[in-house]
């Protein structure tokens, strides 16, 4: 499996792969079919790579994951076949988490939707597309990635799971969904605000304060902007505001 919902890695094939090999497989898994030029630009920032070196890397990857799993299409682009990407599995589970109308017969309901969303959220292992390497991974910052899109999907899934769980009077599941998604997107205000409301309604004021302080620190560290006062204002107002927030969900 190619894991992108956290530390980027390729595992499950029984062979250890170098950072260079993992970078190429991860790029193909996230971006889809890539030309030789795209791969060289993404991994080596356009520096010259000999045909023999490129061929050797492909051969090594095929030896690690199976020859038939890395193919070259008729248009010359390289593509992975029968390799699971956690982002694709995440999207599949989220799209399957539908809630039927009230008059539907013999159709899974909100509980089933929450179950599916929890399966998706359970794939999260850390900040999206996280890697401690820079060499061979410049493509993560050079336009070949979908970090913002994936983060939006994660936030949406977390908020939806929380809303459905709260509607089923299961605040613990709502809390878990928000906490797990914040591991992936620690700067998201909507997840923080929802989780603060849950904490306040359940009487965990200290936990709410700690959450807000950590979120404010994360936003400042990223240099995005000065953190909004919304979550802290909710803390100052207290429990009733938290209940109002949860009812609004």
C-alpha atoms as a PDB file:
ATOM      1  CA  UNK A   1       0.000   0.000   0.000  1.00  0.00           C
ATOM      2  CA  UNK A   2       1.106   3.538  -0.758  1.00  0.00           C
ATOM      3  CA  UNK A   3       0.488   5.537   2.398  1.00  0.00           C
ATOM      4  CA  UNK A   4       0.029   9.279   1.955  1.00  0.00           C
ATOM      5  CA  UNK A   5      -2.341  10.046   4.860  1.00  0.00           C
ATOM      6  CA  UNK A   6       0.576  10.620   7.185  1.00  0.00           C
ATOM      7  CA  UNK A   7       4.273   9.778   6.762  1.00  0.00           C
ATOM      8  CA  UNK A   8       4.744   8.915   3.087  1.00  0.00           C
ATOM      9  CA  UNK A   9       5.849   5.344   2.609  1.00  0.00           C
ATOM     10  CA  UNK A  10       5.327   2.239   0.528  1.00  0.00           C
ATOM     11  CA  UNK A  11       4.810  -0.960   2.457  1.00  0.00           C
ATOM     12  CA  UNK A  12       3.282  -4.398   2.308  1.00  0.00           C
ATOM     13  CA  UNK A  13       5.421  -5.798  -0.509  1.00  0.00           C
ATOM     14  CA  UNK A  14       7.949  -7.637   1.626  1.00  0.00           C
ATOM     15  CA  UNK A  15      10.923  -5.723   0.223  1.00  0.00           C
ATOM     16  CA  UNK A  16      12.718  -2.696   1.599  1.00  0.00           C
ATOM     17  CA  UNK A  17      12.726   0.234  -0.810  1.00  0.00           C
ATOM     18  CA  UNK A  18      15.128   3.155  -0.882  1.00  0.00           C
ATOM     19  CA  UNK A  19      13.860   6.700  -0.432  1.00  0.00           C
ATOM     20  CA  UNK A  20      14.410   7.258  -4.162  1.00  0.00           C
ATOM     21  CA  UNK A  21      12.305   4.236  -5.096  1.00  0.00           C
ATOM     22  CA  UNK A  22       9.567   5.115  -2.626  1.00  0.00           C
ATOM     23  CA  UNK A  23       9.479   8.678  -3.941  1.00  0.00           C
ATOM     24  CA  UNK A  24       8.867   7.483  -7.495  1.00  0.00           C
ATOM     25  CA  UNK A  25       6.188   4.993  -6.446  1.00  0.00           C
ATOM     26  CA  UNK A  26       4.483   7.581  -4.232  1.00  0.00           C
ATOM     27  CA  UNK A  27       4.487  10.164  -7.020  1.00  0.00           C
ATOM     28  CA  UNK A  28       2.948   7.685  -9.434  1.00  0.00           C
ATOM     29  CA  UNK A  29       0.381   6.640  -6.823  1.00  0.00           C
ATOM     30  CA  UNK A  30      -0.701  10.204  -6.107  1.00  0.00           C
ATOM     31  CA  UNK A  31      -0.359  11.847  -9.505  1.00  0.00           C
ATOM     32  CA  UNK A  32      -1.331   8.922 -11.731  1.00  0.00           C
ATOM     33  CA  UNK A  33       0.449   8.082 -15.002  1.00  0.00           C
ATOM     34  CA  UNK A  34       3.646  10.146 -15.425  1.00  0.00           C
ATOM     35  CA  UNK A  35       6.035  10.606 -18.302  1.00  0.00           C
ATOM     36  CA  UNK A  36       9.761  10.048 -17.908  1.00  0.00           C
ATOM     37  CA  UNK A  37      10.230  13.813 -18.017  1.00  0.00           C
ATOM     38  CA  UNK A  38       7.673  14.397 -15.232  1.00  0.00           C
ATOM     39  CA  UNK A  39       9.343  11.807 -13.013  1.00  0.00           C
ATOM     40  CA  UNK A  40      12.797  13.272 -13.585  1.00  0.00           C
ATOM     41  CA  UNK A  41      11.505  16.778 -12.945  1.00  0.00           C
ATOM     42  CA  UNK A  42       9.725  15.655  -9.781  1.00  0.00           C
ATOM     43  CA  UNK A  43      12.490  13.530  -8.261  1.00  0.00           C
ATOM     44  CA  UNK A  44      15.642  15.208  -9.567  1.00  0.00           C
ATOM     45  CA  UNK A  45      14.321  18.755 -10.147  1.00  0.00           C
ATOM     46  CA  UNK A  46      15.077  18.466 -13.840  1.00  0.00           C
ATOM     47  CA  UNK A  47      18.721  17.453 -13.448  1.00  0.00           C
ATOM     48  CA  UNK A  48      20.099  15.115 -16.112  1.00  0.00           C
ATOM     49  CA  UNK A  49      19.486  11.423 -15.421  1.00  0.00           C
ATOM     50  CA  UNK A  50      21.003   8.838 -17.728  1.00  0.00           C
ATOM     51  CA  UNK A  51      18.779   6.343 -19.491  1.00  0.00           C
ATOM     52  CA  UNK A  52      20.586   3.465 -17.798  1.00  0.00           C
ATOM     53  CA  UNK A  53      20.128   4.901 -14.302  1.00  0.00           C
ATOM     54  CA  UNK A  54      16.433   5.539 -14.933  1.00  0.00           C
ATOM     55  CA  UNK A  55      16.002   2.004 -16.284  1.00  0.00           C
ATOM     56  CA  UNK A  56      17.788   0.538 -13.265  1.00  0.00           C
ATOM     57  CA  UNK A  57      15.478   2.368 -10.856  1.00  0.00           C
ATOM     58  CA  UNK A  58      12.433   1.040 -12.710  1.00  0.00           C
ATOM     59  CA  UNK A  59      13.879  -2.467 -12.591  1.00  0.00           C
ATOM     60  CA  UNK A  60      14.548  -2.207  -8.854  1.00  0.00           C
ATOM     61  CA  UNK A  61      10.997  -0.999  -8.193  1.00  0.00           C
ATOM     62  CA  UNK A  62       9.542  -3.807 -10.269  1.00  0.00           C
ATOM     63  CA  UNK A  63      11.662  -6.241  -8.323  1.00  0.00           C
ATOM     64  CA  UNK A  64      10.241  -4.865  -5.061  1.00  0.00           C
ATOM     65  CA  UNK A  65       6.547  -4.565  -5.925  1.00  0.00           C
ATOM     66  CA  UNK A  66       6.196  -7.016  -8.809  1.00  0.00           C
ATOM     67  CA  UNK A  67       6.973  -6.532 -12.478  1.00  0.00           C
ATOM     68  CA  UNK A  68       3.355  -6.338 -13.591  1.00  0.00           C
ATOM     69  CA  UNK A  69       2.542  -3.557 -11.130  1.00  0.00           C
ATOM     70  CA  UNK A  70       4.646  -0.892 -12.865  1.00  0.00           C
ATOM     71  CA  UNK A  71       3.892  -0.676 -16.578  1.00  0.00           C
ATOM     72  CA  UNK A  72       4.613   1.677 -19.427  1.00  0.00           C
ATOM     73  CA  UNK A  73       1.530   2.689 -21.398  1.00  0.00           C
ATOM     74  CA  UNK A  74       1.343   3.053 -25.170  1.00  0.00           C
ATOM     75  CA  UNK A  75       1.741   6.810 -24.777  1.00  0.00           C
ATOM     76  CA  UNK A  76       5.047   6.240 -22.995  1.00  0.00           C
ATOM     77  CA  UNK A  77       3.851   7.187 -19.520  1.00  0.00           C
ATOM     78  CA  UNK A  78       4.477   4.972 -16.492  1.00  0.00           C
ATOM     79  CA  UNK A  79       1.574   3.757 -14.353  1.00  0.00           C
ATOM     80  CA  UNK A  80       0.980   1.589 -11.290  1.00  0.00           C
ATOM     81  CA  UNK A  81      -1.459  -1.306 -11.597  1.00  0.00           C
ATOM     82  CA  UNK A  82      -3.097  -3.171  -8.691  1.00  0.00           C
ATOM     83  CA  UNK A  83      -1.382  -1.044  -6.052  1.00  0.00           C
ATOM     84  CA  UNK A  84      -3.595   0.296  -3.263  1.00  0.00           C
ATOM     85  CA  UNK A  85      -3.274   3.982  -2.427  1.00  0.00           C
ATOM     86  CA  UNK A  86      -4.690   4.940   0.969  1.00  0.00           C
ATOM     87  CA  UNK A  87      -6.127   8.209  -0.397  1.00  0.00           C
ATOM     88  CA  UNK A  88      -8.139   6.292  -2.997  1.00  0.00           C
ATOM     89  CA  UNK A  89      -9.429   3.924  -0.306  1.00  0.00           C
ATOM     90  CA  UNK A  90     -10.288   6.936   1.877  1.00  0.00           C
ATOM     91  CA  UNK A  91     -12.340   8.533  -0.924  1.00  0.00           C
ATOM     92  CA  UNK A  92     -14.085   5.228  -1.679  1.00  0.00           C
ATOM     93  CA  UNK A  93     -15.178   4.830   1.955  1.00  0.00           C
ATOM     94  CA  UNK A  94     -16.302   8.448   2.290  1.00  0.00           C
ATOM     95  CA  UNK A  95     -18.332   8.338  -0.912  1.00  0.00           C
ATOM     96  CA  UNK A  96     -19.997   5.144   0.314  1.00  0.00           C
ATOM     97  CA  UNK A  97     -21.079   6.793   3.571  1.00  0.00           C
ATOM     98  CA  UNK A  98     -24.516   7.884   2.408  1.00  0.00           C
ATOM     99  CA  UNK A  99     -27.539   8.440   4.618  1.00  0.00           C
ATOM    100  CA  UNK A 100     -30.908   7.383   3.125  1.00  0.00           C
ATOM    101  CA  UNK A 101     -34.099   9.465   3.340  1.00  0.00           C
ATOM    102  CA  UNK A 102     -36.301   8.772   6.390  1.00  0.00           C
ATOM    103  CA  UNK A 103     -38.793   6.678   4.402  1.00  0.00           C
ATOM    104  CA  UNK A 104     -36.169   4.371   2.880  1.00  0.00           C
ATOM    105  CA  UNK A 105     -36.689   0.637   3.438  1.00  0.00           C
ATOM    106  CA  UNK A 106     -33.941  -1.939   4.044  1.00  0.00           C
ATOM    107  CA  UNK A 107     -31.169   0.606   3.614  1.00  0.00           C
ATOM    108  CA  UNK A 108     -28.232   1.157   5.979  1.00  0.00           C
ATOM    109  CA  UNK A 109     -28.690   4.339   7.980  1.00  0.00           C
ATOM    110  CA  UNK A 110     -26.639   6.887   9.854  1.00  0.00           C
ATOM    111  CA  UNK A 111     -24.827   4.241  11.911  1.00  0.00           C
ATOM    112  CA  UNK A 112     -23.542   2.575   8.768  1.00  0.00           C
ATOM    113  CA  UNK A 113     -22.410   5.942   7.428  1.00  0.00           C
ATOM    114  CA  UNK A 114     -20.544   6.672  10.648  1.00  0.00           C
ATOM    115  CA  UNK A 115     -18.916   3.226  10.480  1.00  0.00           C
ATOM    116  CA  UNK A 116     -17.690   3.868   6.951  1.00  0.00           C
ATOM    117  CA  UNK A 117     -16.415   7.342   7.803  1.00  0.00           C
ATOM    118  CA  UNK A 118     -14.576   5.922  10.797  1.00  0.00           C
ATOM    119  CA  UNK A 119     -12.918   3.323   8.564  1.00  0.00           C
ATOM    120  CA  UNK A 120     -11.760   6.120   6.284  1.00  0.00           C
ATOM    121  CA  UNK A 121     -10.557   8.339   9.124  1.00  0.00           C
ATOM    122  CA  UNK A 122      -8.787   5.355  10.665  1.00  0.00           C
ATOM    123  CA  UNK A 123      -6.399   5.361   7.683  1.00  0.00           C
ATOM    124  CA  UNK A 124      -4.912   8.648   8.921  1.00  0.00           C
ATOM    125  CA  UNK A 125      -1.488   8.254  10.501  1.00  0.00           C
ATOM    126  CA  UNK A 126      -0.211  11.838  10.685  1.00  0.00           C
ATOM    127  CA  UNK A 127       0.076  15.127   8.775  1.00  0.00           C
ATOM    128  CA  UNK A 128      -0.833  14.680   5.108  1.00  0.00           C
ATOM    129  CA  UNK A 129       2.078  13.813   2.798  1.00  0.00           C
ATOM    130  CA  UNK A 130       4.635  14.016   5.593  1.00  0.00           C
ATOM    131  CA  UNK A 131       8.222  13.057   4.825  1.00  0.00           C
ATOM    132  CA  UNK A 132      11.464  13.795   6.585  1.00  0.00           C
ATOM    133  CA  UNK A 133      13.390  13.584   3.303  1.00  0.00           C
ATOM    134  CA  UNK A 134      13.981  16.370   0.811  1.00  0.00           C
ATOM    135  CA  UNK A 135      16.128  14.694  -1.828  1.00  0.00           C
ATOM    136  CA  UNK A 136      13.881  12.988  -4.414  1.00  0.00           C
ATOM    137  CA  UNK A 137      10.764  14.461  -2.757  1.00  0.00           C
ATOM    138  CA  UNK A 138      10.738  18.008  -4.139  1.00  0.00           C
ATOM    139  CA  UNK A 139       7.660  17.060  -6.180  1.00  0.00           C
ATOM    140  CA  UNK A 140       5.624  17.274  -2.985  1.00  0.00           C
ATOM    141  CA  UNK A 141       6.049  21.057  -3.163  1.00  0.00           C
ATOM    142  CA  UNK A 142       6.300  21.576  -6.896  1.00  0.00           C
ATOM    143  CA  UNK A 143       2.779  21.181  -8.192  1.00  0.00           C
ATOM    144  CA  UNK A 144       2.495  17.413  -8.527  1.00  0.00           C
ATOM    145  CA  UNK A 145       0.745  16.923  -5.226  1.00  0.00           C
ATOM    146  CA  UNK A 146      -2.834  17.380  -4.059  1.00  0.00           C
ATOM    147  CA  UNK A 147      -2.126  18.212  -0.432  1.00  0.00           C
ATOM    148  CA  UNK A 148      -4.782  20.954  -0.181  1.00  0.00           C
ATOM    149  CA  UNK A 149      -7.398  18.781  -1.877  1.00  0.00           C
ATOM    150  CA  UNK A 150      -6.677  15.833   0.421  1.00  0.00           C
ATOM    151  CA  UNK A 151      -6.795  18.066   3.492  1.00  0.00           C
ATOM    152  CA  UNK A 152     -10.205  19.373   2.434  1.00  0.00           C
ATOM    153  CA  UNK A 153     -11.453  15.795   2.025  1.00  0.00           C
ATOM    154  CA  UNK A 154     -10.186  14.880   5.494  1.00  0.00           C
ATOM    155  CA  UNK A 155     -11.756  17.925   7.152  1.00  0.00           C
ATOM    156  CA  UNK A 156     -15.073  17.313   5.400  1.00  0.00           C
ATOM    157  CA  UNK A 157     -15.085  13.649   6.463  1.00  0.00           C
ATOM    158  CA  UNK A 158     -14.274  14.558  10.059  1.00  0.00           C
ATOM    159  CA  UNK A 159     -16.998  17.177  10.322  1.00  0.00           C
ATOM    160  CA  UNK A 160     -19.532  14.892   8.684  1.00  0.00           C
ATOM    161  CA  UNK A 161     -18.649  11.963  10.942  1.00  0.00           C
ATOM    162  CA  UNK A 162     -18.941  14.235  13.986  1.00  0.00           C
ATOM    163  CA  UNK A 163     -22.315  15.583  12.911  1.00  0.00           C
ATOM    164  CA  UNK A 164     -23.731  12.105  12.234  1.00  0.00           C
ATOM    165  CA  UNK A 165     -22.351  10.679  15.477  1.00  0.00           C
ATOM    166  CA  UNK A 166     -23.792  13.560  17.488  1.00  0.00           C
ATOM    167  CA  UNK A 167     -27.116  13.050  15.740  1.00  0.00           C
ATOM    168  CA  UNK A 168     -26.991   9.453  16.977  1.00  0.00           C
ATOM    169  CA  UNK A 169     -26.149  10.682  20.532  1.00  0.00           C
ATOM    170  CA  UNK A 170     -22.612   9.288  20.332  1.00  0.00           C
ATOM    171  CA  UNK A 171     -20.361  12.192  21.358  1.00  0.00           C
ATOM    172  CA  UNK A 172     -17.367   9.926  21.966  1.00  0.00           C
ATOM    173  CA  UNK A 173     -17.352   8.876  18.321  1.00  0.00           C
ATOM    174  CA  UNK A 174     -17.731  12.511  17.260  1.00  0.00           C
ATOM    175  CA  UNK A 175     -14.814  13.462  19.470  1.00  0.00           C
ATOM    176  CA  UNK A 176     -12.638  10.674  18.065  1.00  0.00           C
ATOM    177  CA  UNK A 177     -13.371  11.721  14.471  1.00  0.00           C
ATOM    178  CA  UNK A 178     -12.357  15.321  15.127  1.00  0.00           C
ATOM    179  CA  UNK A 179      -9.244  14.362  17.069  1.00  0.00           C
ATOM    180  CA  UNK A 180      -8.081  11.924  14.391  1.00  0.00           C
ATOM    181  CA  UNK A 181      -8.612  14.397  11.567  1.00  0.00           C
ATOM    182  CA  UNK A 182      -6.769  17.097  13.492  1.00  0.00           C
ATOM    183  CA  UNK A 183      -3.744  14.791  13.497  1.00  0.00           C
ATOM    184  CA  UNK A 184      -3.776  15.166   9.704  1.00  0.00           C
ATOM    185  CA  UNK A 185      -4.822  18.825   9.493  1.00  0.00           C
ATOM    186  CA  UNK A 186      -3.807  20.417  12.821  1.00  0.00           C
ATOM    187  CA  UNK A 187      -4.482  23.972  11.645  1.00  0.00           C
ATOM    188  CA  UNK A 188      -8.155  23.552  10.683  1.00  0.00           C
ATOM    189  CA  UNK A 189     -10.381  25.905  12.674  1.00  0.00           C
ATOM    190  CA  UNK A 190     -13.644  24.099  11.949  1.00  0.00           C
ATOM    191  CA  UNK A 191     -12.426  20.833  13.419  1.00  0.00           C
ATOM    192  CA  UNK A 192     -11.033  22.660  16.442  1.00  0.00           C
ATOM    193  CA  UNK A 193     -14.237  24.625  17.002  1.00  0.00           C
ATOM    194  CA  UNK A 194     -16.372  21.486  16.774  1.00  0.00           C
ATOM    195  CA  UNK A 195     -14.117  19.605  19.172  1.00  0.00           C
ATOM    196  CA  UNK A 196     -14.073  22.534  21.608  1.00  0.00           C
ATOM    197  CA  UNK A 197     -17.875  22.457  21.624  1.00  0.00           C
ATOM    198  CA  UNK A 198     -17.866  18.728  22.371  1.00  0.00           C
ATOM    199  CA  UNK A 199     -15.384  19.214  25.223  1.00  0.00           C
ATOM    200  CA  UNK A 200     -17.442  22.039  26.740  1.00  0.00           C
ATOM    201  CA  UNK A 201     -20.725  20.150  26.590  1.00  0.00           C
ATOM    202  CA  UNK A 202     -19.052  17.197  28.306  1.00  0.00           C
ATOM    203  CA  UNK A 203     -17.537  19.426  30.997  1.00  0.00           C
ATOM    204  CA  UNK A 204     -13.908  19.174  29.837  1.00  0.00           C
ATOM    205  CA  UNK A 205     -13.048  22.850  29.966  1.00  0.00           C
ATOM    206  CA  UNK A 206      -9.346  22.220  30.625  1.00  0.00           C
ATOM    207  CA  UNK A 207      -9.145  19.928  27.593  1.00  0.00           C
ATOM    208  CA  UNK A 208     -10.841  22.604  25.469  1.00  0.00           C
ATOM    209  CA  UNK A 209      -8.362  25.238  26.647  1.00  0.00           C
ATOM    210  CA  UNK A 210      -5.412  22.952  25.932  1.00  0.00           C
ATOM    211  CA  UNK A 211      -6.756  22.179  22.466  1.00  0.00           C
ATOM    212  CA  UNK A 212      -7.149  25.862  21.619  1.00  0.00           C
ATOM    213  CA  UNK A 213      -3.656  26.724  22.826  1.00  0.00           C
ATOM    214  CA  UNK A 214      -2.170  23.914  20.727  1.00  0.00           C
ATOM    215  CA  UNK A 215      -4.138  24.982  17.673  1.00  0.00           C
ATOM    216  CA  UNK A 216      -3.083  28.617  18.021  1.00  0.00           C
ATOM    217  CA  UNK A 217       0.537  27.493  18.273  1.00  0.00           C
ATOM    218  CA  UNK A 218       0.189  25.292  15.173  1.00  0.00           C
ATOM    219  CA  UNK A 219      -1.300  28.150  13.123  1.00  0.00           C
ATOM    220  CA  UNK A 220       1.468  30.528  14.166  1.00  0.00           C
ATOM    221  CA  UNK A 221       4.140  27.928  13.461  1.00  0.00           C
ATOM    222  CA  UNK A 222       2.828  27.456   9.935  1.00  0.00           C
ATOM    223  CA  UNK A 223       2.884  31.213   9.413  1.00  0.00           C
ATOM    224  CA  UNK A 224      -0.531  31.142   7.775  1.00  0.00           C
ATOM    225  CA  UNK A 225      -2.005  34.082   9.670  1.00  0.00           C
ATOM    226  CA  UNK A 226      -2.820  35.159  13.183  1.00  0.00           C
ATOM    227  CA  UNK A 227      -5.219  32.551  14.624  1.00  0.00           C
ATOM    228  CA  UNK A 228      -8.882  33.477  14.750  1.00  0.00           C
ATOM    229  CA  UNK A 229     -10.420  34.344  18.111  1.00  0.00           C
ATOM    230  CA  UNK A 230     -13.443  32.141  17.370  1.00  0.00           C
ATOM    231  CA  UNK A 231     -12.439  29.020  19.323  1.00  0.00           C
ATOM    232  CA  UNK A 232     -11.175  31.076  22.284  1.00  0.00           C
ATOM    233  CA  UNK A 233     -14.372  33.139  22.330  1.00  0.00           C
ATOM    234  CA  UNK A 234     -16.316  29.888  22.482  1.00  0.00           C
ATOM    235  CA  UNK A 235     -14.239  28.882  25.487  1.00  0.00           C
ATOM    236  CA  UNK A 236     -14.935  32.207  27.205  1.00  0.00           C
ATOM    237  CA  UNK A 237     -18.690  31.885  26.642  1.00  0.00           C
ATOM    238  CA  UNK A 238     -18.720  28.321  27.966  1.00  0.00           C
ATOM    239  CA  UNK A 239     -21.043  25.346  27.874  1.00  0.00           C
ATOM    240  CA  UNK A 240     -24.247  26.863  26.437  1.00  0.00           C
ATOM    241  CA  UNK A 241     -22.355  28.087  23.379  1.00  0.00           C
ATOM    242  CA  UNK A 242     -20.952  24.617  22.948  1.00  0.00           C
ATOM    243  CA  UNK A 243     -24.446  23.145  23.001  1.00  0.00           C
ATOM    244  CA  UNK A 244     -25.599  25.724  20.470  1.00  0.00           C
ATOM    245  CA  UNK A 245     -22.718  24.788  18.215  1.00  0.00           C
ATOM    246  CA  UNK A 246     -23.462  21.081  18.388  1.00  0.00           C
ATOM    247  CA  UNK A 247     -27.139  21.681  17.721  1.00  0.00           C
ATOM    248  CA  UNK A 248     -26.194  23.700  14.663  1.00  0.00           C
ATOM    249  CA  UNK A 249     -24.297  20.694  13.295  1.00  0.00           C
END
